[in-house]
């Protein structure tokens, strides 16, 4: 987000920015899907239960995360419980 200049963007603004250039949105925010109507957004969503938003936290679950990202459809939400955390 920092590299894209999106740091500090609120959820609604962040989704609008991401929707312009991405097909899938990955987040660790478990409340995310209850805060926004995701069915109207032209992206898929993957919510992963890692303990922190660092690369090291994702590594044990990378294969499952990649599969979810490759299969999620627009407006769909896939939940992944982290194995490695």
PDB file of N, CA and C in Angstrom:
ATOM      1  N   UNK A   1       0.817  -1.187   0.000  1.00  0.00           N
ATOM      2  CA  UNK A   1       0.000   0.000   0.000  1.00  0.00           C
ATOM      3  C   UNK A   1       0.859   1.249   0.000  1.00  0.00           C
ATOM      4  N   UNK A   2       1.933   1.201   0.738  1.00  0.00           N
ATOM      5  CA  UNK A   2       2.815   2.360   0.789  1.00  0.00           C
ATOM      6  C   UNK A   2       3.390   2.658  -0.590  1.00  0.00           C
ATOM      7  N   UNK A   3       3.842   1.601  -1.291  1.00  0.00           N
ATOM      8  CA  UNK A   3       4.432   1.778  -2.612  1.00  0.00           C
ATOM      9  C   UNK A   3       3.437   2.364  -3.605  1.00  0.00           C
ATOM     10  N   UNK A   4       2.170   2.024  -3.454  1.00  0.00           N
ATOM     11  CA  UNK A   4       1.134   2.508  -4.362  1.00  0.00           C
ATOM     12  C   UNK A   4       0.610   3.887  -3.963  1.00  0.00           C
ATOM     13  N   UNK A   5       1.060   4.406  -2.822  1.00  0.00           N
ATOM     14  CA  UNK A   5       0.575   5.697  -2.350  1.00  0.00           C
ATOM     15  C   UNK A   5      -0.790   5.611  -1.688  1.00  0.00           C
ATOM     16  N   UNK A   6      -1.182   4.413  -1.221  1.00  0.00           N
ATOM     17  CA  UNK A   6      -2.502   4.205  -0.643  1.00  0.00           C
ATOM     18  C   UNK A   6      -2.476   4.175   0.875  1.00  0.00           C
ATOM     19  N   UNK A   7      -1.343   4.384   1.478  1.00  0.00           N
ATOM     20  CA  UNK A   7      -1.239   4.304   2.943  1.00  0.00           C
ATOM     21  C   UNK A   7      -2.213   5.288   3.582  1.00  0.00           C
ATOM     22  N   UNK A   8      -2.970   4.812   4.550  1.00  0.00           N
ATOM     23  CA  UNK A   8      -3.932   5.656   5.248  1.00  0.00           C
ATOM     24  C   UNK A   8      -5.305   5.691   4.606  1.00  0.00           C
ATOM     25  N   UNK A   9      -5.469   5.036   3.449  1.00  0.00           N
ATOM     26  CA  UNK A   9      -6.777   5.020   2.796  1.00  0.00           C
ATOM     27  C   UNK A   9      -7.755   4.194   3.630  1.00  0.00           C
ATOM     28  N   UNK A  10      -8.972   4.674   3.758  1.00  0.00           N
ATOM     29  CA  UNK A  10     -10.023   3.949   4.477  1.00  0.00           C
ATOM     30  C   UNK A  10     -10.530   2.818   3.596  1.00  0.00           C
ATOM     31  N   UNK A  11     -11.247   1.852   4.187  1.00  0.00           N
ATOM     32  CA  UNK A  11     -11.686   0.662   3.465  1.00  0.00           C
ATOM     33  C   UNK A  11     -12.387   0.968   2.149  1.00  0.00           C
ATOM     34  N   UNK A  12     -13.375   1.842   2.161  1.00  0.00           N
ATOM     35  CA  UNK A  12     -14.123   2.153   0.941  1.00  0.00           C
ATOM     36  C   UNK A  12     -13.240   2.739  -0.144  1.00  0.00           C
ATOM     37  N   UNK A  13     -12.399   3.679   0.210  1.00  0.00           N
ATOM     38  CA  UNK A  13     -11.473   4.288  -0.748  1.00  0.00           C
ATOM     39  C   UNK A  13     -10.452   3.280  -1.231  1.00  0.00           C
ATOM     40  N   UNK A  14      -9.973   2.458  -0.319  1.00  0.00           N
ATOM     41  CA  UNK A  14      -8.980   1.443  -0.658  1.00  0.00           C
ATOM     42  C   UNK A  14      -9.553   0.448  -1.667  1.00  0.00           C
ATOM     43  N   UNK A  15     -10.780   0.017  -1.460  1.00  0.00           N
ATOM     44  CA  UNK A  15     -11.424  -0.906  -2.381  1.00  0.00           C
ATOM     45  C   UNK A  15     -11.590  -0.262  -3.753  1.00  0.00           C
ATOM     46  N   UNK A  16     -12.012   0.986  -3.799  1.00  0.00           N
ATOM     47  CA  UNK A  16     -12.179   1.683  -5.074  1.00  0.00           C
ATOM     48  C   UNK A  16     -10.851   1.767  -5.818  1.00  0.00           C
ATOM     49  N   UNK A  17      -9.775   2.056  -5.113  1.00  0.00           N
ATOM     50  CA  UNK A  17      -8.447   2.112  -5.737  1.00  0.00           C
ATOM     51  C   UNK A  17      -8.015   0.734  -6.234  1.00  0.00           C
ATOM     52  N   UNK A  18      -8.184  -0.278  -5.410  1.00  0.00           N
ATOM     53  CA  UNK A  18      -7.764  -1.633  -5.763  1.00  0.00           C
ATOM     54  C   UNK A  18      -8.582  -2.189  -6.920  1.00  0.00           C
ATOM     55  N   UNK A  19      -9.843  -1.884  -6.964  1.00  0.00           N
ATOM     56  CA  UNK A  19     -10.739  -2.415  -7.994  1.00  0.00           C
ATOM     57  C   UNK A  19     -10.320  -1.978  -9.391  1.00  0.00           C
ATOM     58  N   UNK A  20      -9.640  -0.859  -9.489  1.00  0.00           N
ATOM     59  CA  UNK A  20      -9.193  -0.345 -10.786  1.00  0.00           C
ATOM     60  C   UNK A  20      -8.079  -1.176 -11.407  1.00  0.00           C
ATOM     61  N   UNK A  21      -7.298  -1.882 -10.577  1.00  0.00           N
ATOM     62  CA  UNK A  21      -6.148  -2.559 -11.143  1.00  0.00           C
ATOM     63  C   UNK A  21      -5.931  -3.991 -10.690  1.00  0.00           C
ATOM     64  N   UNK A  22      -6.828  -4.509  -9.840  1.00  0.00           N
ATOM     65  CA  UNK A  22      -6.624  -5.851  -9.297  1.00  0.00           C
ATOM     66  C   UNK A  22      -7.905  -6.674  -9.387  1.00  0.00           C
ATOM     67  N   UNK A  23      -7.745  -7.983  -9.429  1.00  0.00           N
ATOM     68  CA  UNK A  23      -8.880  -8.907  -9.474  1.00  0.00           C
ATOM     69  C   UNK A  23      -9.214  -9.477  -8.102  1.00  0.00           C
ATOM     70  N   UNK A  24      -8.230  -9.465  -7.181  1.00  0.00           N
ATOM     71  CA  UNK A  24      -8.395 -10.088  -5.873  1.00  0.00           C
ATOM     72  C   UNK A  24      -7.820  -9.176  -4.796  1.00  0.00           C
ATOM     73  N   UNK A  25      -8.504  -9.126  -3.666  1.00  0.00           N
ATOM     74  CA  UNK A  25      -8.071  -8.344  -2.518  1.00  0.00           C
ATOM     75  C   UNK A  25      -7.835  -9.314  -1.368  1.00  0.00           C
ATOM     76  N   UNK A  26      -6.649  -9.320  -0.808  1.00  0.00           N
ATOM     77  CA  UNK A  26      -6.296 -10.197   0.320  1.00  0.00           C
ATOM     78  C   UNK A  26      -6.177  -9.330   1.567  1.00  0.00           C
ATOM     79  N   UNK A  27      -6.803  -9.782   2.655  1.00  0.00           N
ATOM     80  CA  UNK A  27      -6.763  -9.017   3.900  1.00  0.00           C
ATOM     81  C   UNK A  27      -6.719  -9.959   5.102  1.00  0.00           C
ATOM     82  N   UNK A  28      -6.253  -9.430   6.215  1.00  0.00           N
ATOM     83  CA  UNK A  28      -6.310 -10.174   7.475  1.00  0.00           C
ATOM     84  C   UNK A  28      -7.434  -9.639   8.360  1.00  0.00           C
ATOM     85  N   UNK A  29      -8.167  -8.648   7.883  1.00  0.00           N
ATOM     86  CA  UNK A  29      -9.254  -8.026   8.633  1.00  0.00           C
ATOM     87  C   UNK A  29     -10.487  -8.916   8.594  1.00  0.00           C
ATOM     88  N   UNK A  30     -10.733  -9.650   9.662  1.00  0.00           N
ATOM     89  CA  UNK A  30     -11.851 -10.601   9.709  1.00  0.00           C
ATOM     90  C   UNK A  30     -13.216  -9.928   9.737  1.00  0.00           C
ATOM     91  N   UNK A  31     -13.267  -8.652  10.070  1.00  0.00           N
ATOM     92  CA  UNK A  31     -14.528  -7.914  10.085  1.00  0.00           C
ATOM     93  C   UNK A  31     -14.826  -7.263   8.732  1.00  0.00           C
ATOM     94  N   UNK A  32     -13.882  -7.338   7.834  1.00  0.00           N
ATOM     95  CA  UNK A  32     -13.930  -6.638   6.557  1.00  0.00           C
ATOM     96  C   UNK A  32     -15.229  -6.874   5.789  1.00  0.00           C
ATOM     97  N   UNK A  33     -15.626  -8.131   5.629  1.00  0.00           N
ATOM     98  CA  UNK A  33     -16.797  -8.427   4.805  1.00  0.00           C
ATOM     99  C   UNK A  33     -18.107  -7.965   5.434  1.00  0.00           C
ATOM    100  N   UNK A  34     -18.097  -7.640   6.710  1.00  0.00           N
ATOM    101  CA  UNK A  34     -19.298  -7.150   7.379  1.00  0.00           C
ATOM    102  C   UNK A  34     -19.377  -5.629   7.362  1.00  0.00           C
ATOM    103  N   UNK A  35     -18.312  -4.982   6.907  1.00  0.00           N
ATOM    104  CA  UNK A  35     -18.257  -3.528   6.885  1.00  0.00           C
ATOM    105  C   UNK A  35     -18.602  -2.956   5.516  1.00  0.00           C
ATOM    106  N   UNK A  36     -18.483  -3.776   4.475  1.00  0.00           N
ATOM    107  CA  UNK A  36     -18.677  -3.321   3.094  1.00  0.00           C
ATOM    108  C   UNK A  36     -19.494  -4.370   2.354  1.00  0.00           C
ATOM    109  N   UNK A  37     -20.388  -3.937   1.454  1.00  0.00           N
ATOM    110  CA  UNK A  37     -21.137  -4.875   0.610  1.00  0.00           C
ATOM    111  C   UNK A  37     -20.211  -5.336  -0.509  1.00  0.00           C
ATOM    112  N   UNK A  38     -19.599  -6.491  -0.316  1.00  0.00           N
ATOM    113  CA  UNK A  38     -18.604  -6.987  -1.257  1.00  0.00           C
ATOM    114  C   UNK A  38     -19.209  -7.564  -2.526  1.00  0.00           C
ATOM    115  N   UNK A  39     -20.481  -7.922  -2.494  1.00  0.00           N
ATOM    116  CA  UNK A  39     -21.103  -8.543  -3.664  1.00  0.00           C
ATOM    117  C   UNK A  39     -21.185  -7.598  -4.854  1.00  0.00           C
ATOM    118  N   UNK A  40     -21.170  -6.304  -4.620  1.00  0.00           N
ATOM    119  CA  UNK A  40     -21.272  -5.320  -5.691  1.00  0.00           C
ATOM    120  C   UNK A  40     -19.911  -4.891  -6.232  1.00  0.00           C
ATOM    121  N   UNK A  41     -18.853  -5.478  -5.726  1.00  0.00           N
ATOM    122  CA  UNK A  41     -17.495  -5.066  -6.106  1.00  0.00           C
ATOM    123  C   UNK A  41     -16.908  -6.078  -7.069  1.00  0.00           C
ATOM    124  N   UNK A  42     -16.269  -5.586  -8.106  1.00  0.00           N
ATOM    125  CA  UNK A  42     -15.744  -6.433  -9.177  1.00  0.00           C
ATOM    126  C   UNK A  42     -14.386  -7.031  -8.833  1.00  0.00           C
ATOM    127  N   UNK A  43     -14.287  -7.605  -7.645  1.00  0.00           N
ATOM    128  CA  UNK A  43     -13.076  -8.306  -7.213  1.00  0.00           C
ATOM    129  C   UNK A  43     -13.493  -9.480  -6.360  1.00  0.00           C
ATOM    130  N   UNK A  44     -12.593 -10.447  -6.222  1.00  0.00           N
ATOM    131  CA  UNK A  44     -12.764 -11.502  -5.249  1.00  0.00           C
ATOM    132  C   UNK A  44     -12.006 -11.114  -3.992  1.00  0.00           C
ATOM    133  N   UNK A  45     -12.353 -11.732  -2.875  1.00  0.00           N
ATOM    134  CA  UNK A  45     -11.745 -11.390  -1.598  1.00  0.00           C
ATOM    135  C   UNK A  45     -11.277 -12.647  -0.890  1.00  0.00           C
ATOM    136  N   UNK A  46     -10.069 -12.593  -0.355  1.00  0.00           N
ATOM    137  CA  UNK A  46      -9.529 -13.688   0.451  1.00  0.00           C
ATOM    138  C   UNK A  46      -9.186 -13.107   1.809  1.00  0.00           C
ATOM    139  N   UNK A  47      -9.787 -13.672   2.840  1.00  0.00           N
ATOM    140  CA  UNK A  47      -9.520 -13.245   4.211  1.00  0.00           C
ATOM    141  C   UNK A  47      -8.736 -14.363   4.875  1.00  0.00           C
ATOM    142  N   UNK A  48      -7.509 -14.055   5.255  1.00  0.00           N
ATOM    143  CA  UNK A  48      -6.626 -15.068   5.838  1.00  0.00           C
ATOM    144  C   UNK A  48      -6.339 -14.726   7.296  1.00  0.00           C
ATOM    145  N   UNK A  49      -6.384 -15.721   8.131  1.00  0.00           N
ATOM    146  CA  UNK A  49      -6.239 -15.525   9.572  1.00  0.00           C
ATOM    147  C   UNK A  49      -4.809 -15.569  10.065  1.00  0.00           C
ATOM    148  N   UNK A  50      -3.910 -14.848   9.423  1.00  0.00           N
ATOM    149  CA  UNK A  50      -2.539 -14.776   9.930  1.00  0.00           C
ATOM    150  C   UNK A  50      -2.489 -13.805  11.102  1.00  0.00           C
ATOM    151  N   UNK A  51      -1.469 -13.957  11.930  1.00  0.00           N
ATOM    152  CA  UNK A  51      -1.379 -13.141  13.140  1.00  0.00           C
ATOM    153  C   UNK A  51      -0.814 -11.748  12.902  1.00  0.00           C
ATOM    154  N   UNK A  52      -0.124 -11.561  11.782  1.00  0.00           N
ATOM    155  CA  UNK A  52       0.399 -10.231  11.461  1.00  0.00           C
ATOM    156  C   UNK A  52       0.471 -10.078   9.952  1.00  0.00           C
ATOM    157  N   UNK A  53       0.543  -8.853   9.517  1.00  0.00           N
ATOM    158  CA  UNK A  53       0.577  -8.567   8.086  1.00  0.00           C
ATOM    159  C   UNK A  53       2.030  -8.426   7.606  1.00  0.00           C
ATOM    160  N   UNK A  54       2.828  -9.441   7.939  1.00  0.00           N
ATOM    161  CA  UNK A  54       4.214  -9.488   7.487  1.00  0.00           C
ATOM    162  C   UNK A  54       4.369 -10.673   6.545  1.00  0.00           C
ATOM    163  N   UNK A  55       5.321 -10.616   5.666  1.00  0.00           N
ATOM    164  CA  UNK A  55       5.551 -11.704   4.718  1.00  0.00           C
ATOM    165  C   UNK A  55       5.790 -13.021   5.446  1.00  0.00           C
ATOM    166  N   UNK A  56       6.532 -12.997   6.525  1.00  0.00           N
ATOM    167  CA  UNK A  56       6.837 -14.214   7.276  1.00  0.00           C
ATOM    168  C   UNK A  56       5.570 -14.910   7.786  1.00  0.00           C
ATOM    169  N   UNK A  57       4.550 -14.152   8.114  1.00  0.00           N
ATOM    170  CA  UNK A  57       3.306 -14.736   8.607  1.00  0.00           C
ATOM    171  C   UNK A  57       2.546 -15.484   7.511  1.00  0.00           C
ATOM    172  N   UNK A  58       2.717 -15.071   6.258  1.00  0.00           N
ATOM    173  CA  UNK A  58       2.021 -15.687   5.128  1.00  0.00           C
ATOM    174  C   UNK A  58       2.735 -16.924   4.585  1.00  0.00           C
ATOM    175  N   UNK A  59       4.034 -17.005   4.764  1.00  0.00           N
ATOM    176  CA  UNK A  59       4.847 -18.058   4.125  1.00  0.00           C
ATOM    177  C   UNK A  59       4.322 -19.474   4.371  1.00  0.00           C
ATOM    178  N   UNK A  60       3.983 -19.883   5.599  1.00  0.00           N
ATOM    179  CA  UNK A  60       3.508 -21.260   5.810  1.00  0.00           C
ATOM    180  C   UNK A  60       2.210 -21.582   5.056  1.00  0.00           C
ATOM    181  N   UNK A  61       1.457 -20.574   4.705  1.00  0.00           N
ATOM    182  CA  UNK A  61       0.168 -20.761   4.047  1.00  0.00           C
ATOM    183  C   UNK A  61       0.169 -20.293   2.595  1.00  0.00           C
ATOM    184  N   UNK A  62       1.363 -20.054   2.058  1.00  0.00           N
ATOM    185  CA  UNK A  62       1.446 -19.442   0.736  1.00  0.00           C
ATOM    186  C   UNK A  62       0.776 -20.285  -0.345  1.00  0.00           C
ATOM    187  N   UNK A  63       0.962 -21.594  -0.352  1.00  0.00           N
ATOM    188  CA  UNK A  63       0.357 -22.431  -1.390  1.00  0.00           C
ATOM    189  C   UNK A  63      -1.164 -22.371  -1.334  1.00  0.00           C
ATOM    190  N   UNK A  64      -1.737 -22.442  -0.140  1.00  0.00           N
ATOM    191  CA  UNK A  64      -3.189 -22.348   0.009  1.00  0.00           C
ATOM    192  C   UNK A  64      -3.699 -20.961  -0.373  1.00  0.00           C
ATOM    193  N   UNK A  65      -2.931 -19.939  -0.025  1.00  0.00           N
ATOM    194  CA  UNK A  65      -3.311 -18.579  -0.371  1.00  0.00           C
ATOM    195  C   UNK A  65      -3.290 -18.390  -1.879  1.00  0.00           C
ATOM    196  N   UNK A  66      -2.253 -18.891  -2.527  1.00  0.00           N
ATOM    197  CA  UNK A  66      -2.157 -18.781  -3.983  1.00  0.00           C
ATOM    198  C   UNK A  66      -3.337 -19.483  -4.657  1.00  0.00           C
ATOM    199  N   UNK A  67      -3.687 -20.669  -4.182  1.00  0.00           N
ATOM    200  CA  UNK A  67      -4.820 -21.400  -4.749  1.00  0.00           C
ATOM    201  C   UNK A  67      -6.121 -20.611  -4.580  1.00  0.00           C
ATOM    202  N   UNK A  68      -6.316 -20.024  -3.410  1.00  0.00           N
ATOM    203  CA  UNK A  68      -7.517 -19.225  -3.161  1.00  0.00           C
ATOM    204  C   UNK A  68      -7.567 -18.016  -4.089  1.00  0.00           C
ATOM    205  N   UNK A  69      -6.448 -17.360  -4.259  1.00  0.00           N
ATOM    206  CA  UNK A  69      -6.379 -16.183  -5.129  1.00  0.00           C
ATOM    207  C   UNK A  69      -6.678 -16.572  -6.580  1.00  0.00           C
ATOM    208  N   UNK A  70      -6.216 -17.729  -6.981  1.00  0.00           N
ATOM    209  CA  UNK A  70      -6.425 -18.178  -8.364  1.00  0.00           C
ATOM    210  C   UNK A  70      -7.852 -18.656  -8.622  1.00  0.00           C
ATOM    211  N   UNK A  71      -8.599 -19.033  -7.589  1.00  0.00           N
ATOM    212  CA  UNK A  71      -9.928 -19.596  -7.799  1.00  0.00           C
ATOM    213  C   UNK A  71     -11.084 -18.700  -7.371  1.00  0.00           C
ATOM    214  N   UNK A  72     -10.845 -17.695  -6.556  1.00  0.00           N
ATOM    215  CA  UNK A  72     -11.924 -16.831  -6.078  1.00  0.00           C
ATOM    216  C   UNK A  72     -12.550 -16.082  -7.259  1.00  0.00           C
ATOM    217  N   UNK A  73     -13.869 -15.940  -7.213  1.00  0.00           N
ATOM    218  CA  UNK A  73     -14.599 -15.231  -8.257  1.00  0.00           C
ATOM    219  C   UNK A  73     -14.995 -13.841  -7.765  1.00  0.00           C
ATOM    220  N   UNK A  74     -15.321 -12.985  -8.704  1.00  0.00           N
ATOM    221  CA  UNK A  74     -15.754 -11.630  -8.361  1.00  0.00           C
ATOM    222  C   UNK A  74     -16.954 -11.692  -7.424  1.00  0.00           C
ATOM    223  N   UNK A  75     -16.892 -10.924  -6.352  1.00  0.00           N
ATOM    224  CA  UNK A  75     -17.966 -10.876  -5.371  1.00  0.00           C
ATOM    225  C   UNK A  75     -17.942 -12.003  -4.354  1.00  0.00           C
ATOM    226  N   UNK A  76     -17.020 -12.955  -4.511  1.00  0.00           N
ATOM    227  CA  UNK A  76     -16.918 -14.092  -3.601  1.00  0.00           C
ATOM    228  C   UNK A  76     -15.888 -13.812  -2.509  1.00  0.00           C
ATOM    229  N   UNK A  77     -16.100 -14.410  -1.342  1.00  0.00           N
ATOM    230  CA  UNK A  77     -15.163 -14.297  -0.233  1.00  0.00           C
ATOM    231  C   UNK A  77     -14.718 -15.697   0.154  1.00  0.00           C
ATOM    232  N   UNK A  78     -13.402 -15.902   0.211  1.00  0.00           N
ATOM    233  CA  UNK A  78     -12.832 -17.162   0.682  1.00  0.00           C
ATOM    234  C   UNK A  78     -12.120 -16.878   2.001  1.00  0.00           C
ATOM    235  N   UNK A  79     -12.404 -17.695   3.003  1.00  0.00           N
ATOM    236  CA  UNK A  79     -11.762 -17.577   4.313  1.00  0.00           C
ATOM    237  C   UNK A  79     -10.711 -18.683   4.442  1.00  0.00           C
ATOM    238  N   UNK A  80      -9.521 -18.307   4.865  1.00  0.00           N
ATOM    239  CA  UNK A  80      -8.472 -19.270   5.140  1.00  0.00           C
ATOM    240  C   UNK A  80      -8.022 -19.114   6.581  1.00  0.00           C
ATOM    241  N   UNK A  81      -8.087 -20.195   7.336  1.00  0.00           N
ATOM    242  CA  UNK A  81      -7.496 -20.186   8.665  1.00  0.00           C
ATOM    243  C   UNK A  81      -6.014 -20.479   8.484  1.00  0.00           C
ATOM    244  N   UNK A  82      -5.182 -19.691   9.122  1.00  0.00           N
ATOM    245  CA  UNK A  82      -3.742 -19.868   8.983  1.00  0.00           C
ATOM    246  C   UNK A  82      -3.294 -21.134   9.676  1.00  0.00           C
ATOM    247  N   UNK A  83      -2.448 -21.881   9.029  1.00  0.00           N
ATOM    248  CA  UNK A  83      -1.869 -23.094   9.617  1.00  0.00           C
ATOM    249  C   UNK A  83      -0.572 -22.785  10.336  1.00  0.00           C
ATOM    250  N   UNK A  84       0.163 -21.829   9.802  1.00  0.00           N
ATOM    251  CA  UNK A  84       1.494 -21.591  10.319  1.00  0.00           C
ATOM    252  C   UNK A  84       1.596 -20.605  11.454  1.00  0.00           C
ATOM    253  N   UNK A  85       0.479 -19.996  11.841  1.00  0.00           N
ATOM    254  CA  UNK A  85       0.584 -18.989  12.902  1.00  0.00           C
ATOM    255  C   UNK A  85       0.281 -19.546  14.263  1.00  0.00           C
TER     256      UNK A  85
END
